[in-house]
Amino acid sequence: MPINVSVKSQQNAEDKPDVTVKFKGKVTEEINFQLQLRSALNGDLMIFDHKDIDIVIQPKNSKIVTFAKNILSDAVYGAESRLLEFLRKKGIIHYDSIRGGNIYGSLEGKIMESETVDPIKATLINISEWIQTERPYMEGTTAYEEIQDDALIDPDNQDSTDLGEVPQAEKKGSIEPSTIMSPYQYGRFVY
């Protein structure tokens, strides 16, 4: 896009230079974003940026489907719900199309059609925007998990015992592993 700028020389201290900017042609905006995106064999776009969920855009069906990444939990459902509500408020998916998918724990929504804007590109831009709003949550939970791991692996003096390093031995403690079930076998009830 060419920009024409004309500047006049300043003759007096009172005169201010005039700067005029004229745009010629079509005004376009360049939007840059990055996503961990992969294309499936059937043309679906799979986004792996979020910590809890995977996002799949199905251009052929005009759908967005979200799946649990590892374990289905309240955090996963919350992330799926936040994404689809965000896209609903932005006008990307239909209001009444958010529902559970045919795979356990998945949510899906129908992408609206448009004659002026490419709906898949608009969806990708808005998902990127949503992931940026989720970054503090993802970084916070990751940091918390690392703190918990460090507390278990290398506890401080307050959370450790005075025994120090316990040497390895074949037999330790008062309960013998070979006789754990023996008392129960001779009782009244045998299952």
Protein backbone atom coordinates (compact mmCIF):
# COMPACT_ATOMS: atom_id res chain seq x y z
CA MET A 1 0.00 0.00 0.00
CA PRO A 2 1.72 3.26 -1.06
CA ILE A 3 1.71 6.23 1.31
CA ASN A 4 2.23 9.73 -0.01
CA VAL A 5 3.59 12.22 2.52
CA SER A 6 4.23 15.86 1.72
CA VAL A 7 6.03 18.19 4.14
CA LYS A 8 6.32 21.94 3.63
CA SER A 9 9.32 23.85 4.86
CA GLN A 10 8.82 26.09 7.87
CA GLN A 11 9.21 29.77 7.02
CA ASN A 12 8.24 31.42 10.31
CA ALA A 13 8.37 30.14 13.86
CA GLU A 14 4.61 30.62 14.05
CA ASP A 15 3.88 28.48 11.00
CA LYS A 16 3.53 24.81 11.73
CA PRO A 17 4.52 22.33 9.06
CA ASP A 18 1.62 20.58 7.39
CA VAL A 19 1.87 16.84 7.11
CA THR A 20 -0.72 15.12 5.02
CA VAL A 21 -1.03 11.39 4.58
CA LYS A 22 -3.09 10.03 1.72
CA PHE A 23 -3.96 6.37 1.32
CA LYS A 24 -4.42 5.05 -2.16
CA GLY A 25 -5.92 1.70 -2.98
CA LYS A 26 -7.43 -0.87 -0.67
CA VAL A 27 -6.57 -0.51 3.02
CA THR A 28 -5.60 -3.87 4.52
CA GLU A 29 -4.55 -4.86 7.99
CA GLU A 30 -1.91 -7.49 8.64
CA ILE A 31 -2.49 -9.72 11.64
CA ASN A 32 0.33 -11.93 12.90
CA PHE A 33 -0.20 -14.79 15.34
CA GLN A 34 1.29 -18.19 16.04
CA LEU A 35 -0.45 -21.44 16.85
CA GLN A 36 0.79 -25.02 17.25
CA LEU A 37 -1.35 -26.19 14.37
CA ARG A 38 -1.33 -29.38 12.36
CA SER A 39 -3.46 -30.42 9.41
CA ALA A 40 -5.04 -33.87 9.42
CA LEU A 41 -5.32 -36.05 6.31
CA ASN A 42 -8.96 -35.05 5.81
CA GLY A 43 -8.17 -31.31 6.04
CA ASP A 44 -9.13 -30.74 9.69
CA LEU A 45 -6.98 -28.21 11.56
CA MET A 46 -5.77 -29.42 14.97
CA ILE A 47 -4.56 -26.85 17.51
CA PHE A 48 -2.42 -28.04 20.44
CA ASP A 49 -1.55 -24.75 22.21
CA HIS A 50 -3.74 -25.16 25.29
CA LYS A 51 -2.57 -27.09 28.35
CA ASP A 52 -5.83 -28.96 28.99
CA ILE A 53 -7.62 -29.28 25.64
CA ASP A 54 -7.03 -29.93 21.95
CA ILE A 55 -9.07 -27.90 19.46
CA VAL A 56 -10.10 -29.26 16.07
CA ILE A 57 -11.57 -27.08 13.33
CA GLN A 58 -13.49 -29.07 10.73
CA PRO A 59 -13.80 -26.84 7.62
CA LYS A 60 -15.92 -29.38 5.72
CA ASN A 61 -18.54 -29.57 8.48
CA SER A 62 -18.06 -25.93 9.63
CA LYS A 63 -17.51 -27.15 13.20
CA ILE A 64 -15.20 -26.63 16.14
CA VAL A 65 -14.70 -29.63 18.41
CA THR A 66 -12.71 -29.62 21.67
CA PHE A 67 -11.22 -32.70 23.32
CA ALA A 68 -9.57 -33.40 26.66
CA LYS A 69 -5.81 -33.58 26.26
CA ASN A 70 -5.02 -36.12 28.99
CA ILE A 71 -7.52 -36.56 31.80
CA LEU A 72 -11.11 -35.38 31.80
CA SER A 73 -11.69 -33.05 34.75
CA ASP A 74 -13.53 -29.90 35.75
CA ALA A 75 -10.58 -27.86 34.45
CA VAL A 76 -10.98 -29.45 31.01
CA TYR A 77 -14.71 -28.79 30.84
CA GLY A 78 -14.11 -25.23 32.05
CA ALA A 79 -11.57 -24.57 29.30
CA GLU A 80 -13.85 -26.07 26.63
CA SER A 81 -16.79 -24.02 27.85
CA ARG A 82 -14.74 -20.79 28.04
CA LEU A 83 -13.50 -21.25 24.47
CA LEU A 84 -16.92 -21.87 22.98
CA GLU A 85 -18.49 -19.02 24.97
CA PHE A 86 -15.70 -16.71 23.80
CA LEU A 87 -16.31 -17.69 20.18
CA ARG A 88 -20.07 -17.33 20.65
CA LYS A 89 -19.67 -13.80 22.01
CA LYS A 90 -17.35 -12.89 19.13
CA GLY A 91 -19.96 -14.06 16.62
CA ILE A 92 -17.97 -16.99 15.27
CA ILE A 93 -20.28 -19.86 16.25
CA HIS A 94 -24.06 -20.08 16.43
CA TYR A 95 -25.65 -19.40 19.81
CA ASP A 96 -27.67 -22.59 19.91
CA SER A 97 -25.04 -24.92 18.48
CA ILE A 98 -22.87 -25.51 21.57
CA ARG A 99 -23.39 -29.09 22.71
CA GLY A 100 -21.61 -32.23 23.80
CA GLY A 101 -19.84 -34.12 21.05
CA ASN A 102 -20.11 -37.77 20.17
CA ILE A 103 -16.83 -38.48 22.00
CA TYR A 104 -16.96 -38.55 25.80
CA GLY A 105 -15.99 -35.18 27.29
CA SER A 106 -15.91 -33.24 24.02
CA LEU A 107 -17.83 -30.04 23.24
CA GLU A 108 -18.60 -28.72 19.78
CA GLY A 109 -20.08 -25.70 18.08
CA LYS A 110 -21.19 -24.82 14.53
CA ILE A 111 -19.21 -22.07 12.75
CA MET A 112 -21.34 -19.35 11.15
CA GLU A 113 -21.16 -18.78 7.40
CA SER A 114 -20.08 -15.45 5.93
CA GLU A 115 -19.92 -13.95 2.45
CA THR A 116 -17.49 -11.16 3.36
CA VAL A 117 -14.99 -12.89 5.68
CA ASP A 118 -13.37 -16.31 5.50
CA PRO A 119 -14.93 -18.06 8.53
CA ILE A 120 -11.98 -20.43 9.09
CA LYS A 121 -9.45 -17.57 9.15
CA ALA A 122 -11.68 -15.58 11.52
CA THR A 123 -11.98 -18.65 13.74
CA LEU A 124 -8.20 -19.14 13.84
CA ILE A 125 -7.62 -15.48 14.73
CA ASN A 126 -10.16 -15.61 17.55
CA ILE A 127 -8.81 -18.90 18.92
CA SER A 128 -5.34 -17.33 18.97
CA GLU A 129 -6.79 -14.35 20.84
CA TRP A 130 -8.49 -16.67 23.36
CA ILE A 131 -5.28 -18.63 23.94
CA GLN A 132 -3.50 -15.37 24.75
CA THR A 133 -6.12 -14.67 27.43
CA GLU A 134 -5.55 -18.20 28.81
CA ARG A 135 -1.74 -17.86 29.03
CA PRO A 136 -1.68 -16.58 32.66
CA TYR A 137 -3.86 -19.53 33.76
CA MET A 138 -1.69 -22.08 31.95
CA GLU A 139 1.57 -20.59 33.24
CA GLY A 140 0.17 -20.40 36.79
CA THR A 141 -0.95 -24.03 36.88
CA THR A 142 2.34 -25.19 35.38
CA ALA A 143 4.30 -23.23 37.99
CA TYR A 144 2.12 -24.64 40.78
CA GLU A 145 2.68 -28.21 39.56
CA GLU A 146 6.44 -27.60 39.46
CA ILE A 147 6.35 -26.28 43.04
CA GLN A 148 4.45 -29.38 44.16
CA ASP A 149 6.93 -31.67 42.38
CA ASP A 150 9.88 -29.87 43.97
CA ALA A 151 8.28 -30.19 47.43
CA LEU A 152 7.95 -33.97 46.97
CA ILE A 153 11.31 -34.60 45.32
CA ASP A 154 13.49 -32.31 47.43
CA PRO A 155 11.65 -31.32 50.64
CA ASP A 156 13.05 -28.67 52.93
CA ASN A 157 13.98 -29.34 56.60
CA GLN A 158 10.49 -28.52 57.83
CA ASP A 159 8.87 -31.21 55.64
CA SER A 160 11.50 -33.94 56.06
CA THR A 161 12.37 -36.40 58.85
CA ASP A 162 15.44 -36.60 61.04
CA LEU A 163 16.22 -40.09 59.77
CA GLY A 164 18.18 -38.80 56.81
CA GLU A 165 19.03 -41.34 54.13
CA VAL A 166 17.48 -44.75 54.82
CA PRO A 167 19.65 -47.58 53.45
CA GLN A 168 18.15 -50.27 51.25
CA ALA A 169 17.35 -53.63 52.83
CA GLU A 170 15.51 -56.77 51.77
CA LYS A 171 13.18 -56.73 54.79
CA LYS A 172 11.97 -53.55 56.49
CA GLY A 173 9.21 -52.75 58.96
CA SER A 174 7.01 -54.98 61.12
CA ILE A 175 4.55 -56.28 58.49
CA GLU A 176 5.86 -59.14 56.43
CA PRO A 177 4.75 -59.08 52.77
CA SER A 178 4.28 -62.86 52.59
CA THR A 179 1.77 -62.99 55.48
CA ILE A 180 -0.40 -59.97 54.70
CA MET A 181 -3.34 -62.06 53.47
CA SER A 182 -2.89 -64.98 55.90
CA PRO A 183 -4.94 -63.58 58.83
CA TYR A 184 -7.88 -62.89 56.53
CA GLN A 185 -7.92 -66.38 55.06
CA TYR A 186 -8.58 -68.02 58.43
CA GLY A 187 -11.34 -65.61 59.51
CA ARG A 188 -15.11 -66.09 59.35
CA PHE A 189 -15.56 -64.56 55.91
CA VAL A 190 -13.50 -65.60 52.94
CA TYR A 191 -14.13 -63.71 49.71
